Every structure is written in C-alpha cells, then in structure tokens.
Amino acid sequence: MSALVEFAMFPTDKGESKSSFVARVLDIVDKSGLDYAFTPMGTIIEGESVSDIFRVIEDAYAELGEDCSRIYSVIKIDYRKGPVGRLKKKVSSVEEKLGRKLSS
C-alpha cells in the first residue's frame, strides 16, 4: 500500500511569520524516517499507510500545542494499492511526458 499525504500546519495566534513553527514541524517529519518533499505551500509525506503518516502529524500537533493556542492545518490524502515510491514516480512520469526535467 502507498499513502501520499500533503499537509500544511501552522499556528494562527503567533504573528505574521510562521517559518520557525514550520521548521519545528519539518524537524518531526524529517526524524520520522518517512520519505517527504517540502514545498513552499506544504509538505508531502509518503508511507505504507495513512496511519503511519497521521502519527507524524499527531506528533507535530503535540509539538506546536506546547506553546500555541490555535493551530490551522490542511490535509490531502492519496491512498493507493501498490508499493511506495510514488512521491518521485509521479513527478518523473510527468517529466517523461514533457521530455524534460521540471525545475524544483
């Protein structure tokens, strides 16, 4: 099984800049050992199950909940039978059809 979950998470009660909070969340994602891609609008994590990824997201909520009163998040899920590896394969498939690498 393969789950791709894209999410964004940040506090709404801590001023305009959110990068220090995003960095705290990304540190948890990085330490999870799951494949991920960080983008300007969110982070995409790949795992064998949605529950594997939700554990990481729950850890991120716990981290921000220590000093944030309100946390906003958006979560999108793509769950499919088959092996993991779609995080890179989906992009490669489009690049192949374009006949060129996309900028990152």
PDB file of N, CA and C in Angstrom:
ATOM      1  N   MET A   1       0.843  -1.190   0.000  1.00  0.00           N
ATOM      2  CA  MET A   1       0.000   0.000   0.000  1.00  0.00           C
ATOM      3  C   MET A   1       0.877   1.237   0.000  1.00  0.00           C
ATOM      4  N   SER A   2       0.331   2.304  -0.514  1.00  0.00           N
ATOM      5  CA  SER A   2       1.065   3.560  -0.582  1.00  0.00           C
ATOM      6  C   SER A   2       0.129   4.710  -0.253  1.00  0.00           C
ATOM      7  N   ALA A   3       0.549   5.528   0.678  1.00  0.00           N
ATOM      8  CA  ALA A   3      -0.214   6.717   1.038  1.00  0.00           C
ATOM      9  C   ALA A   3       0.661   7.942   0.819  1.00  0.00           C
ATOM     10  N   LEU A   4       0.127   8.902   0.097  1.00  0.00           N
ATOM     11  CA  LEU A   4       0.751  10.218  -0.031  1.00  0.00           C
ATOM     12  C   LEU A   4      -0.155  11.195   0.695  1.00  0.00           C
ATOM     13  N   VAL A   5       0.402  11.924   1.632  1.00  0.00           N
ATOM     14  CA  VAL A   5      -0.370  12.906   2.389  1.00  0.00           C
ATOM     15  C   VAL A   5       0.340  14.245   2.298  1.00  0.00           C
ATOM     16  N   GLU A   6      -0.383  15.228   1.785  1.00  0.00           N
ATOM     17  CA  GLU A   6       0.146  16.592   1.759  1.00  0.00           C
ATOM     18  C   GLU A   6      -0.535  17.369   2.872  1.00  0.00           C
ATOM     19  N   PHE A   7       0.279  18.057   3.667  1.00  0.00           N
ATOM     20  CA  PHE A   7      -0.325  18.848   4.728  1.00  0.00           C
ATOM     21  C   PHE A   7       0.467  20.127   4.956  1.00  0.00           C
ATOM     22  N   ALA A   8      -0.250  21.091   5.498  1.00  0.00           N
ATOM     23  CA  ALA A   8       0.344  22.347   5.956  1.00  0.00           C
ATOM     24  C   ALA A   8      -0.205  22.569   7.357  1.00  0.00           C
ATOM     25  N   MET A   9       0.642  23.055   8.241  1.00  0.00           N
ATOM     26  CA  MET A   9       0.241  23.258   9.636  1.00  0.00           C
ATOM     27  C   MET A   9       0.986  24.463  10.197  1.00  0.00           C
ATOM     28  N   PHE A  10       0.246  25.346  10.849  1.00  0.00           N
ATOM     29  CA  PHE A  10       0.882  26.493  11.478  1.00  0.00           C
ATOM     30  C   PHE A  10      -0.071  27.114  12.501  1.00  0.00           C
ATOM     31  N   PRO A  11       0.477  27.817  13.483  1.00  0.00           N
ATOM     32  CA  PRO A  11      -0.378  28.475  14.468  1.00  0.00           C
ATOM     33  C   PRO A  11      -0.974  29.749  13.878  1.00  0.00           C
ATOM     34  N   THR A  12      -2.164  30.079  14.342  1.00  0.00           N
ATOM     35  CA  THR A  12      -2.792  31.329  13.893  1.00  0.00           C
ATOM     36  C   THR A  12      -2.674  32.435  14.946  1.00  0.00           C
ATOM     37  N   ASP A  13      -2.102  32.086  16.083  1.00  0.00           N
ATOM     38  CA  ASP A  13      -2.042  33.051  17.183  1.00  0.00           C
ATOM     39  C   ASP A  13      -0.625  33.552  17.479  1.00  0.00           C
ATOM     40  N   LYS A  14       0.282  33.421  16.511  1.00  0.00           N
ATOM     41  CA  LYS A  14       1.681  33.755  16.776  1.00  0.00           C
ATOM     42  C   LYS A  14       2.280  34.756  15.791  1.00  0.00           C
ATOM     43  N   GLY A  15       1.492  35.681  15.329  1.00  0.00           N
ATOM     44  CA  GLY A  15       2.022  36.735  14.475  1.00  0.00           C
ATOM     45  C   GLY A  15       2.081  36.349  13.005  1.00  0.00           C
ATOM     46  N   GLU A  16       2.732  37.215  12.230  1.00  0.00           N
ATOM     47  CA  GLU A  16       2.735  37.076  10.780  1.00  0.00           C
ATOM     48  C   GLU A  16       3.683  35.996  10.273  1.00  0.00           C
ATOM     49  N   SER A  17       4.896  35.942  10.764  1.00  0.00           N
ATOM     50  CA  SER A  17       5.878  34.971  10.280  1.00  0.00           C
ATOM     51  C   SER A  17       5.641  33.605  10.926  1.00  0.00           C
ATOM     52  N   LYS A  18       5.630  32.574  10.101  1.00  0.00           N
ATOM     53  CA  LYS A  18       5.357  31.213  10.591  1.00  0.00           C
ATOM     54  C   LYS A  18       6.540  30.265  10.405  1.00  0.00           C
ATOM     55  N   SER A  19       7.647  30.736   9.835  1.00  0.00           N
ATOM     56  CA  SER A  19       8.740  29.838   9.452  1.00  0.00           C
ATOM     57  C   SER A  19       9.351  29.083  10.633  1.00  0.00           C
ATOM     58  N   SER A  20       9.446  29.686  11.797  1.00  0.00           N
ATOM     59  CA  SER A  20      10.034  28.962  12.934  1.00  0.00           C
ATOM     60  C   SER A  20       9.138  27.800  13.367  1.00  0.00           C
ATOM     61  N   PHE A  21       7.837  27.964  13.225  1.00  0.00           N
ATOM     62  CA  PHE A  21       6.900  26.899  13.577  1.00  0.00           C
ATOM     63  C   PHE A  21       6.901  25.809  12.507  1.00  0.00           C
ATOM     64  N   VAL A  22       6.964  26.220  11.259  1.00  0.00           N
ATOM     65  CA  VAL A  22       7.058  25.259  10.161  1.00  0.00           C
ATOM     66  C   VAL A  22       8.337  24.437  10.309  1.00  0.00           C
ATOM     67  N   ALA A  23       9.419  25.072  10.705  1.00  0.00           N
ATOM     68  CA  ALA A  23      10.686  24.363  10.904  1.00  0.00           C
ATOM     69  C   ALA A  23      10.553  23.304  12.003  1.00  0.00           C
ATOM     70  N   ARG A  24       9.834  23.601  13.052  1.00  0.00           N
ATOM     71  CA  ARG A  24       9.625  22.625  14.126  1.00  0.00           C
ATOM     72  C   ARG A  24       8.847  21.415  13.617  1.00  0.00           C
ATOM     73  N   VAL A  25       7.826  21.673  12.806  1.00  0.00           N
ATOM     74  CA  VAL A  25       7.043  20.580  12.222  1.00  0.00           C
ATOM     75  C   VAL A  25       7.911  19.770  11.264  1.00  0.00           C
ATOM     76  N   LEU A  26       8.674  20.459  10.425  1.00  0.00           N
ATOM     77  CA  LEU A  26       9.514  19.760   9.448  1.00  0.00           C
ATOM     78  C   LEU A  26      10.580  18.906  10.132  1.00  0.00           C
ATOM     79  N   ASP A  27      11.076  19.338  11.264  1.00  0.00           N
ATOM     80  CA  ASP A  27      12.045  18.539  12.013  1.00  0.00           C
ATOM     81  C   ASP A  27      11.427  17.200  12.433  1.00  0.00           C
ATOM     82  N   ILE A  28      10.176  17.225  12.849  1.00  0.00           N
ATOM     83  CA  ILE A  28       9.476  15.996  13.230  1.00  0.00           C
ATOM     84  C   ILE A  28       9.301  15.094  12.009  1.00  0.00           C
ATOM     85  N   VAL A  29       8.913  15.686  10.882  1.00  0.00           N
ATOM     86  CA  VAL A  29       8.760  14.915   9.641  1.00  0.00           C
ATOM     87  C   VAL A  29      10.093  14.283   9.260  1.00  0.00           C
ATOM     88  N   ASP A  30      11.149  15.058   9.297  1.00  0.00           N
ATOM     89  CA  ASP A  30      12.470  14.565   8.913  1.00  0.00           C
ATOM     90  C   ASP A  30      12.920  13.401   9.807  1.00  0.00           C
ATOM     91  N   LYS A  31      12.689  13.524  11.082  1.00  0.00           N
ATOM     92  CA  LYS A  31      13.096  12.487  12.030  1.00  0.00           C
ATOM     93  C   LYS A  31      12.211  11.241  11.963  1.00  0.00           C
ATOM     94  N   SER A  32      11.079  11.316  11.272  1.00  0.00           N
ATOM     95  CA  SER A  32      10.165  10.169  11.184  1.00  0.00           C
ATOM     96  C   SER A  32      10.742   9.037  10.352  1.00  0.00           C
ATOM     97  N   GLY A  33      11.670   9.368   9.459  1.00  0.00           N
ATOM     98  CA  GLY A  33      12.232   8.356   8.575  1.00  0.00           C
ATOM     99  C   GLY A  33      11.415   8.107   7.322  1.00  0.00           C
ATOM    100  N   LEU A  34      10.262   8.746   7.204  1.00  0.00           N
ATOM    101  CA  LEU A  34       9.433   8.596   6.008  1.00  0.00           C
ATOM    102  C   LEU A  34       9.946   9.519   4.902  1.00  0.00           C
ATOM    103  N   ASP A  35       9.741   9.120   3.645  1.00  0.00           N
ATOM    104  CA  ASP A  35      10.088   9.982   2.521  1.00  0.00           C
ATOM    105  C   ASP A  35       9.163  11.192   2.537  1.00  0.00           C
ATOM    106  N   TYR A  36       9.713  12.358   2.195  1.00  0.00           N
ATOM    107  CA  TYR A  36       8.884  13.558   2.141  1.00  0.00           C
ATOM    108  C   TYR A  36       9.469  14.558   1.162  1.00  0.00           C
ATOM    109  N   ALA A  37       8.631  15.490   0.761  1.00  0.00           N
ATOM    110  CA  ALA A  37       9.053  16.620  -0.068  1.00  0.00           C
ATOM    111  C   ALA A  37       8.488  17.880   0.571  1.00  0.00           C
ATOM    112  N   PHE A  38       9.355  18.803   0.885  1.00  0.00           N
ATOM    113  CA  PHE A  38       8.950  20.089   1.465  1.00  0.00           C
ATOM    114  C   PHE A  38       8.755  21.068   0.316  1.00  0.00           C
ATOM    115  N   THR A  39       7.633  21.766   0.315  1.00  0.00           N
ATOM    116  CA  THR A  39       7.341  22.767  -0.716  1.00  0.00           C
ATOM    117  C   THR A  39       6.978  24.086  -0.032  1.00  0.00           C
ATOM    118  N   PRO A  40       6.920  25.182  -0.763  1.00  0.00           N
ATOM    119  CA  PRO A  40       6.564  26.454  -0.149  1.00  0.00           C
ATOM    120  C   PRO A  40       5.147  26.491   0.443  1.00  0.00           C
ATOM    121  N   MET A  41       4.289  25.572  -0.011  1.00  0.00           N
ATOM    122  CA  MET A  41       2.897  25.589   0.436  1.00  0.00           C
ATOM    123  C   MET A  41       2.513  24.402   1.315  1.00  0.00           C
ATOM    124  N   GLY A  42       3.460  23.524   1.610  1.00  0.00           N
ATOM    125  CA  GLY A  42       3.143  22.365   2.441  1.00  0.00           C
ATOM    126  C   GLY A  42       4.212  21.304   2.320  1.00  0.00           C
ATOM    127  N   THR A  43       3.960  20.186   2.961  1.00  0.00           N
ATOM    128  CA  THR A  43       4.890  19.061   2.950  1.00  0.00           C
ATOM    129  C   THR A  43       4.117  17.821   2.517  1.00  0.00           C
ATOM    130  N   ILE A  44       4.729  17.025   1.648  1.00  0.00           N
ATOM    131  CA  ILE A  44       4.136  15.777   1.187  1.00  0.00           C
ATOM    132  C   ILE A  44       4.938  14.640   1.816  1.00  0.00           C
ATOM    133  N   ILE A  45       4.240  13.745   2.503  1.00  0.00           N
ATOM    134  CA  ILE A  45       4.876  12.599   3.144  1.00  0.00           C
ATOM    135  C   ILE A  45       4.343  11.333   2.488  1.00  0.00           C
ATOM    136  N   GLU A  46       5.237  10.353   2.278  1.00  0.00           N
ATOM    137  CA  GLU A  46       4.814   9.062   1.743  1.00  0.00           C
ATOM    138  C   GLU A  46       5.083   7.971   2.769  1.00  0.00           C
ATOM    139  N   GLY A  47       4.110   7.088   2.918  1.00  0.00           N
ATOM    140  CA  GLY A  47       4.256   5.955   3.813  1.00  0.00           C
ATOM    141  C   GLY A  47       3.449   4.778   3.309  1.00  0.00           C
ATOM    142  N   GLU A  48       3.551   3.677   4.011  1.00  0.00           N
ATOM    143  CA  GLU A  48       2.808   2.484   3.617  1.00  0.00           C
ATOM    144  C   GLU A  48       1.345   2.558   4.039  1.00  0.00           C
ATOM    145  N   SER A  49       1.027   3.412   4.989  1.00  0.00           N
ATOM    146  CA  SER A  49      -0.366   3.555   5.428  1.00  0.00           C
ATOM    147  C   SER A  49      -0.627   4.993   5.864  1.00  0.00           C
ATOM    148  N   VAL A  50      -1.897   5.356   5.826  1.00  0.00           N
ATOM    149  CA  VAL A  50      -2.298   6.679   6.290  1.00  0.00           C
ATOM    150  C   VAL A  50      -1.998   6.816   7.786  1.00  0.00           C
ATOM    151  N   SER A  51      -2.208   5.738   8.534  1.00  0.00           N
ATOM    152  CA  SER A  51      -1.975   5.820   9.985  1.00  0.00           C
ATOM    153  C   SER A  51      -0.504   6.087  10.315  1.00  0.00           C
ATOM    154  N   ASP A  52       0.432   5.549   9.507  1.00  0.00           N
ATOM    155  CA  ASP A  52       1.854   5.860   9.712  1.00  0.00           C
ATOM    156  C   ASP A  52       2.099   7.364   9.612  1.00  0.00           C
ATOM    157  N   ILE A  53       1.476   7.970   8.632  1.00  0.00           N
ATOM    158  CA  ILE A  53       1.673   9.408   8.402  1.00  0.00           C
ATOM    159  C   ILE A  53       0.916  10.226   9.441  1.00  0.00           C
ATOM    160  N   PHE A  54      -0.276   9.788   9.804  1.00  0.00           N
ATOM    161  CA  PHE A  54      -1.036  10.524  10.814  1.00  0.00           C
ATOM    162  C   PHE A  54      -0.314  10.543  12.157  1.00  0.00           C
ATOM    163  N   ARG A  55       0.463   9.515  12.468  1.00  0.00           N
ATOM    164  CA  ARG A  55       1.256   9.536  13.705  1.00  0.00           C
ATOM    165  C   ARG A  55       2.242  10.704  13.683  1.00  0.00           C
ATOM    166  N   VAL A  56       2.839  10.955  12.524  1.00  0.00           N
ATOM    167  CA  VAL A  56       3.773  12.080  12.382  1.00  0.00           C
ATOM    168  C   VAL A  56       3.023  13.398  12.554  1.00  0.00           C
ATOM    169  N   ILE A  57       1.857  13.501  11.942  1.00  0.00           N
ATOM    170  CA  ILE A  57       1.056  14.721  12.056  1.00  0.00           C
ATOM    171  C   ILE A  57       0.602  14.924  13.506  1.00  0.00           C
ATOM    172  N   GLU A  58       0.225  13.862  14.186  1.00  0.00           N
ATOM    173  CA  GLU A  58      -0.145  13.980  15.603  1.00  0.00           C
ATOM    174  C   GLU A  58       1.030  14.470  16.439  1.00  0.00           C
ATOM    175  N   ASP A  59       2.229  13.976  16.137  1.00  0.00           N
ATOM    176  CA  ASP A  59       3.426  14.450  16.844  1.00  0.00           C
ATOM    177  C   ASP A  59       3.652  15.940  16.589  1.00  0.00           C
ATOM    178  N   ALA A  60       3.376  16.382  15.368  1.00  0.00           N
ATOM    179  CA  ALA A  60       3.526  17.803  15.030  1.00  0.00           C
ATOM    180  C   ALA A  60       2.514  18.643  15.806  1.00  0.00           C
ATOM    181  N   TYR A  61       1.271  18.154  15.922  1.00  0.00           N
ATOM    182  CA  TYR A  61       0.277  18.859  16.738  1.00  0.00           C
ATOM    183  C   TYR A  61       0.737  18.962  18.186  1.00  0.00           C
ATOM    184  N   ALA A  62       1.280  17.878  18.718  1.00  0.00           N
ATOM    185  CA  ALA A  62       1.759  17.890  20.107  1.00  0.00           C
ATOM    186  C   ALA A  62       2.884  18.904  20.279  1.00  0.00           C
ATOM    187  N   GLU A  63       3.786  18.953  19.306  1.00  0.00           N
ATOM    188  CA  GLU A  63       4.908  19.903  19.368  1.00  0.00           C
ATOM    189  C   GLU A  63       4.407  21.346  19.380  1.00  0.00           C
ATOM    190  N   LEU A  64       3.562  21.701  18.423  1.00  0.00           N
ATOM    191  CA  LEU A  64       3.079  23.087  18.360  1.00  0.00           C
ATOM    192  C   LEU A  64       2.117  23.397  19.499  1.00  0.00           C
ATOM    193  N   GLY A  65       1.398  22.391  19.972  1.00  0.00           N
ATOM    194  CA  GLY A  65       0.444  22.593  21.055  1.00  0.00           C
ATOM    195  C   GLY A  65       1.082  22.984  22.369  1.00  0.00           C
ATOM    196  N   GLU A  66       2.396  22.778  22.479  1.00  0.00           N
ATOM    197  CA  GLU A  66       3.102  23.158  23.705  1.00  0.00           C
ATOM    198  C   GLU A  66       3.055  24.659  23.959  1.00  0.00           C
ATOM    199  N   ASP A  67       3.064  25.465  22.883  1.00  0.00           N
ATOM    200  CA  ASP A  67       3.069  26.917  23.080  1.00  0.00           C
ATOM    201  C   ASP A  67       2.163  27.677  22.121  1.00  0.00           C
ATOM    202  N   CYS A  68       1.287  26.981  21.428  1.00  0.00           N
ATOM    203  CA  CYS A  68       0.348  27.629  20.510  1.00  0.00           C
ATOM    204  C   CYS A  68      -1.083  27.320  20.951  1.00  0.00           C
ATOM    205  N   SER A  69      -1.922  28.333  20.959  1.00  0.00           N
ATOM    206  CA  SER A  69      -3.306  28.149  21.395  1.00  0.00           C
ATOM    207  C   SER A  69      -4.230  27.711  20.268  1.00  0.00           C
ATOM    208  N   ARG A  70      -3.847  28.033  19.025  1.00  0.00           N
ATOM    209  CA  ARG A  70      -4.695  27.696  17.890  1.00  0.00           C
ATOM    210  C   ARG A  70      -3.813  27.297  16.725  1.00  0.00           C
ATOM    211  N   ILE A  71      -4.106  26.119  16.129  1.00  0.00           N
ATOM    212  CA  ILE A  71      -3.305  25.582  15.036  1.00  0.00           C
ATOM    213  C   ILE A  71      -4.219  25.293  13.853  1.00  0.00           C
ATOM    214  N   TYR A  72      -3.829  25.797  12.700  1.00  0.00           N
ATOM    215  CA  TYR A  72      -4.565  25.574  11.453  1.00  0.00           C
ATOM    216  C   TYR A  72      -3.836  24.511  10.649  1.00  0.00           C
ATOM    217  N   SER A  73      -4.602  23.623  10.010  1.00  0.00           N
ATOM    218  CA  SER A  73      -3.968  22.649   9.125  1.00  0.00           C
ATOM    219  C   SER A  73      -4.898  22.285   7.979  1.00  0.00           C
ATOM    220  N   VAL A  74      -4.268  21.869   6.888  1.00  0.00           N
ATOM    221  CA  VAL A  74      -4.953  21.360   5.706  1.00  0.00           C
ATOM    222  C   VAL A  74      -4.287  20.036   5.373  1.00  0.00           C
ATOM    223  N   ILE A  75      -5.097  19.015   5.090  1.00  0.00           N
ATOM    224  CA  ILE A  75      -4.550  17.696   4.803  1.00  0.00           C
ATOM    225  C   ILE A  75      -5.236  17.130   3.559  1.00  0.00           C
ATOM    226  N   LYS A  76      -4.428  16.651   2.599  1.00  0.00           N
ATOM    227  CA  LYS A  76      -4.933  15.959   1.412  1.00  0.00           C
ATOM    228  C   LYS A  76      -4.302  14.569   1.383  1.00  0.00           C
ATOM    229  N   ILE A  77      -5.105  13.567   1.007  1.00  0.00           N
ATOM    230  CA  ILE A  77      -4.635  12.181   1.037  1.00  0.00           C
ATOM    231  C   ILE A  77      -4.860  11.505  -0.310  1.00  0.00           C
ATOM    232  N   ASP A  78      -3.832  10.798  -0.786  1.00  0.00           N
ATOM    233  CA  ASP A  78      -3.921   9.942  -1.964  1.00  0.00           C
ATOM    234  C   ASP A  78      -3.474   8.551  -1.530  1.00  0.00           C
ATOM    235  N   TYR A  79      -4.419   7.639  -1.427  1.00  0.00           N
ATOM    236  CA  TYR A  79      -4.142   6.279  -0.946  1.00  0.00           C
ATOM    237  C   TYR A  79      -4.343   5.313  -2.102  1.00  0.00           C
ATOM    238  N   ARG A  80      -3.382   4.432  -2.303  1.00  0.00           N
ATOM    239  CA  ARG A  80      -3.439   3.538  -3.455  1.00  0.00           C
ATOM    240  C   ARG A  80      -2.787   2.203  -3.132  1.00  0.00           C
ATOM    241  N   LYS A  81      -3.368   1.143  -3.663  1.00  0.00           N
ATOM    242  CA  LYS A  81      -2.739  -0.169  -3.553  1.00  0.00           C
ATOM    243  C   LYS A  81      -1.484  -0.158  -4.413  1.00  0.00           C
ATOM    244  N   GLY A  82      -0.448  -0.775  -3.914  1.00  0.00           N
ATOM    245  CA  GLY A  82       0.812  -0.811  -4.644  1.00  0.00           C
ATOM    246  C   GLY A  82       1.945  -0.372  -3.746  1.00  0.00           C
ATOM    247  N   PRO A  83       3.151  -0.451  -4.266  1.00  0.00           N
ATOM    248  CA  PRO A  83       4.327  -0.138  -3.444  1.00  0.00           C
ATOM    249  C   PRO A  83       4.523   1.366  -3.253  1.00  0.00           C
ATOM    250  N   VAL A  84       5.272   1.711  -2.207  1.00  0.00           N
ATOM    251  CA  VAL A  84       5.664   3.099  -2.007  1.00  0.00           C
ATOM    252  C   VAL A  84       6.648   3.485  -3.112  1.00  0.00           C
ATOM    253  N   GLY A  85       6.917   4.751  -3.243  1.00  0.00           N
ATOM    254  CA  GLY A  85       7.819   5.249  -4.276  1.00  0.00           C
ATOM    255  C   GLY A  85       7.125   6.217  -5.209  1.00  0.00           C
ATOM    256  N   ARG A  86       5.841   6.451  -4.960  1.00  0.00           N
ATOM    257  CA  ARG A  86       5.088   7.337  -5.853  1.00  0.00           C
ATOM    258  C   ARG A  86       5.468   8.803  -5.690  1.00  0.00           C
ATOM    259  N   LEU A  87       6.065   9.151  -4.563  1.00  0.00           N
ATOM    260  CA  LEU A  87       6.464  10.538  -4.337  1.00  0.00           C
ATOM    261  C   LEU A  87       7.348  11.031  -5.473  1.00  0.00           C
ATOM    262  N   LYS A  88       8.257  10.208  -5.914  1.00  0.00           N
ATOM    263  CA  LYS A  88       9.155  10.571  -7.011  1.00  0.00           C
ATOM    264  C   LYS A  88       8.615  10.112  -8.360  1.00  0.00           C
ATOM    265  N   LYS A  89       7.938   8.969  -8.400  1.00  0.00           N
ATOM    266  CA  LYS A  89       7.448   8.423  -9.667  1.00  0.00           C
ATOM    267  C   LYS A  89       6.402   9.310 -10.326  1.00  0.00           C
ATOM    268  N   LYS A  90       5.550   9.949  -9.535  1.00  0.00           N
ATOM    269  CA  LYS A  90       4.509  10.803 -10.105  1.00  0.00           C
ATOM    270  C   LYS A  90       5.135  11.991 -10.848  1.00  0.00           C
ATOM    271  N   VAL A  91       6.176  12.572 -10.272  1.00  0.00           N
ATOM    272  CA  VAL A  91       6.864  13.689 -10.922  1.00  0.00           C
ATOM    273  C   VAL A  91       7.622  13.193 -12.147  1.00  0.00           C
ATOM    274  N   SER A  92       8.310  12.075 -12.013  1.00  0.00           N
ATOM    275  CA  SER A  92       9.071  11.514 -13.137  1.00  0.00           C
ATOM    276  C   SER A  92       8.169  11.207 -14.321  1.00  0.00           C
ATOM    277  N   SER A  93       6.977  10.722 -14.060  1.00  0.00           N
ATOM    278  CA  SER A  93       6.042  10.396 -15.129  1.00  0.00           C
ATOM    279  C   SER A  93       5.665  11.636 -15.940  1.00  0.00           C
ATOM    280  N   VAL A  94       5.423  12.733 -15.264  1.00  0.00           N
ATOM    281  CA  VAL A  94       5.085  13.982 -15.959  1.00  0.00           C
ATOM    282  C   VAL A  94       6.299  14.509 -16.722  1.00  0.00           C
ATOM    283  N   GLU A  95       7.469  14.455 -16.094  1.00  0.00           N
ATOM    284  CA  GLU A  95       8.692  14.908 -16.770  1.00  0.00           C
ATOM    285  C   GLU A  95       8.954  14.094 -18.036  1.00  0.00           C
ATOM    286  N   GLU A  96       8.700  12.800 -17.974  1.00  0.00           N
ATOM    287  CA  GLU A  96       8.896  11.942 -19.143  1.00  0.00           C
ATOM    288  C   GLU A  96       7.968  12.375 -20.282  1.00  0.00           C
ATOM    289  N   LYS A  97       6.754  12.691 -19.960  1.00  0.00           N
ATOM    290  CA  LYS A  97       5.790  13.106 -20.979  1.00  0.00           C
ATOM    291  C   LYS A  97       6.146  14.484 -21.546  1.00  0.00           C
ATOM    292  N   LEU A  98       6.745  15.326 -20.733  1.00  0.00           N
ATOM    293  CA  LEU A  98       7.196  16.648 -21.188  1.00  0.00           C
ATOM    294  C   LEU A  98       8.484  16.544 -22.001  1.00  0.00           C
ATOM    295  N   GLY A  99       9.267  15.520 -21.724  1.00  0.00           N
ATOM    296  CA  GLY A  99      10.553  15.365 -22.378  1.00  0.00           C
ATOM    297  C   GLY A  99      11.643  16.221 -21.751  1.00  0.00           C
ATOM    298  N   ARG A 100      11.415  16.622 -20.483  1.00  0.00           N
ATOM    299  CA  ARG A 100      12.410  17.440 -19.791  1.00  0.00           C
ATOM    300  C   ARG A 100      12.164  17.402 -18.283  1.00  0.00           C
ATOM    301  N   LYS A 101      13.192  17.759 -17.531  1.00  0.00           N
ATOM    302  CA  LYS A 101      13.083  17.858 -16.077  1.00  0.00           C
ATOM    303  C   LYS A 101      12.365  19.156 -15.719  1.00  0.00           C
ATOM    304  N   LEU A 102      11.566  19.083 -14.694  1.00  0.00           N
ATOM    305  CA  LEU A 102      10.930  20.287 -14.169  1.00  0.00           C
ATOM    306  C   LEU A 102      11.855  20.944 -13.159  1.00  0.00           C
ATOM    307  N   SER A 103      11.772  22.241 -13.053  1.00  0.00           N
ATOM    308  CA  SER A 103      12.596  22.938 -12.048  1.00  0.00           C
ATOM    309  C   SER A 103      12.021  22.673 -10.682  1.00  0.00           C
ATOM    310  N   SER A 104      12.886  22.688  -9.684  1.00  0.00           N
ATOM    311  CA  SER A 104      12.386  22.444  -8.327  1.00  0.00           C
ATOM    312  C   SER A 104      12.670  23.595  -7.429  1.00  0.00           C
TER     313      SER A 104
END
